[in-house]
Protein backbone atom coordinates (compact mmCIF):
# COMPACT_ATOMS: atom_id res chain seq x y z
CA UNK A 1 23.49 -219.50 49.02
CA UNK A 2 24.39 -222.82 47.37
CA UNK A 3 23.56 -221.36 43.97
CA UNK A 4 26.11 -218.58 44.45
CA UNK A 5 28.80 -221.04 45.61
CA UNK A 6 28.30 -223.22 42.53
CA UNK A 7 28.56 -220.15 40.30
CA UNK A 8 31.65 -218.93 42.15
CA UNK A 9 33.39 -222.29 41.80
CA UNK A 10 32.37 -222.53 38.14
CA UNK A 11 33.94 -219.11 37.54
CA UNK A 12 37.18 -219.95 39.34
CA UNK A 13 37.34 -223.35 37.65
CA UNK A 14 36.74 -221.83 34.23
CA UNK A 15 39.50 -219.27 34.67
CA UNK A 16 41.91 -221.92 35.96
CA UNK A 17 41.11 -224.33 33.11
CA UNK A 18 41.42 -221.55 30.52
CA UNK A 19 44.86 -220.52 31.79
CA UNK A 20 46.20 -224.04 32.34
CA UNK A 21 44.91 -225.29 29.01
CA UNK A 22 46.56 -222.28 27.35
CA UNK A 23 49.89 -222.94 29.05
CA UNK A 24 49.83 -226.66 28.30
CA UNK A 25 48.20 -226.31 24.88
CA UNK A 26 50.20 -229.14 23.35
CA UNK A 27 48.97 -231.65 25.93
CA UNK A 28 45.28 -230.75 26.22
CA UNK A 29 42.42 -232.23 24.23
CA UNK A 30 40.98 -229.04 22.70
CA UNK A 31 37.54 -230.51 22.03
CA UNK A 32 37.01 -231.58 25.62
CA UNK A 33 38.54 -228.39 27.01
CA UNK A 34 36.27 -226.24 24.86
CA UNK A 35 33.17 -228.17 25.89
CA UNK A 36 34.07 -227.83 29.57
CA UNK A 37 34.72 -224.09 29.18
CA UNK A 38 31.41 -223.54 27.37
CA UNK A 39 29.43 -225.48 30.00
CA UNK A 40 31.15 -223.59 32.84
CA UNK A 41 30.48 -220.31 31.01
CA UNK A 42 26.78 -221.13 30.77
CA UNK A 43 26.70 -221.92 34.48
CA UNK A 44 28.47 -218.67 35.34
CA UNK A 45 26.18 -216.60 33.13
CA UNK A 46 23.10 -218.12 34.70
CA UNK A 47 24.19 -218.22 38.34
CA UNK A 48 26.69 -215.44 38.92
CA UNK A 49 25.59 -212.33 37.07
CA UNK A 50 22.77 -210.51 38.82
CA UNK A 51 20.70 -207.54 37.71
CA UNK A 52 23.17 -205.03 39.10
CA UNK A 53 26.18 -206.51 37.33
CA UNK A 54 24.63 -207.13 33.90
CA UNK A 55 25.73 -203.94 32.18
CA UNK A 56 29.26 -204.05 33.60
CA UNK A 57 29.60 -207.73 32.72
CA UNK A 58 28.42 -207.22 29.14
CA UNK A 59 30.75 -204.25 28.61
CA UNK A 60 33.71 -206.20 30.01
CA UNK A 61 32.78 -209.15 27.79
CA UNK A 62 32.67 -206.93 24.71
CA UNK A 63 36.15 -205.63 25.54
CA UNK A 64 37.48 -209.16 26.05
CA UNK A 65 35.91 -210.44 22.84
CA UNK A 66 37.31 -207.53 20.84
CA UNK A 67 40.76 -208.16 22.28
CA UNK A 68 40.38 -211.87 21.63
CA UNK A 69 39.40 -211.43 18.01
CA UNK A 70 41.31 -208.37 16.85
CA UNK A 71 43.93 -207.11 19.27
CA UNK A 72 45.55 -210.37 20.23
CA UNK A 73 47.22 -210.76 16.85
CA UNK A 74 49.22 -207.58 17.37
CA UNK A 75 50.00 -208.32 21.01
CA UNK A 76 51.05 -211.87 20.16
CA UNK A 77 53.34 -210.67 17.38
CA UNK A 78 55.00 -208.14 19.70
CA UNK A 79 55.50 -210.70 22.46
CA UNK A 80 56.77 -213.27 19.99
CA UNK A 81 59.41 -210.82 18.75
CA UNK A 82 60.30 -209.41 22.16
CA UNK A 83 60.37 -212.63 24.18
CA UNK A 84 59.83 -215.87 22.30
CA UNK A 85 57.41 -217.27 19.79
CA UNK A 86 56.18 -219.75 22.41
CA UNK A 87 55.18 -216.96 24.82
CA UNK A 88 53.10 -215.29 22.12
CA UNK A 89 51.37 -218.54 21.22
CA UNK A 90 50.72 -219.31 24.88
CA UNK A 91 49.14 -215.90 25.43
CA UNK A 92 47.00 -216.34 22.33
CA UNK A 93 45.88 -219.78 23.52
CA UNK A 94 45.00 -218.49 27.01
CA UNK A 95 43.01 -215.59 25.59
CA UNK A 96 41.21 -217.88 23.16
CA UNK A 97 40.23 -220.13 26.07
CA UNK A 98 38.99 -217.13 28.07
CA UNK A 99 36.86 -216.06 25.10
CA UNK A 100 35.43 -219.60 24.88
CA UNK A 101 34.61 -219.40 28.59
CA UNK A 102 33.13 -215.89 28.73
CA UNK A 103 31.14 -215.93 25.47
CA UNK A 104 28.46 -218.39 26.65
CA UNK A 105 28.11 -216.46 29.91
CA UNK A 106 27.58 -213.25 27.92
CA UNK A 107 24.99 -215.00 25.76
CA UNK A 108 22.98 -216.00 28.83
CA UNK A 109 23.22 -212.54 30.38
CA UNK A 110 22.24 -210.83 27.12
CA UNK A 111 19.23 -213.11 26.66
CA UNK A 112 18.14 -212.50 30.27
CA UNK A 113 18.50 -208.75 29.74
CA UNK A 114 16.37 -208.84 26.59
CA UNK A 115 13.80 -211.10 28.26
CA UNK A 116 13.46 -208.76 31.25
CA UNK A 117 13.26 -205.67 29.01
CA UNK A 118 10.39 -207.25 27.08
CA UNK A 119 8.26 -207.77 30.21
């Protein structure tokens, strides 16, 4: 029970830090923020994703990573033209932080999936 609570709080904290650091990108220390997001992502991947959720989690992660690496440029450009340049940069920063948070979790889940498949 305590394991699940730690994972739940790590997930909520990671999402909150990713969004807040993206909104206040000019104020945050990116090195420290990235390290915190990676550590929280590792915790989430290890503690939160069970056998039943592995496939769904990995598919959702692939979609997020593809959006984070390829699609965000187009979305950011559209938002920057439609609203303001700052809104586009903020969205790009938030998504980049979410990718930094979710990628380590996906790594752990993928390794666990491979490890279990090998047994």
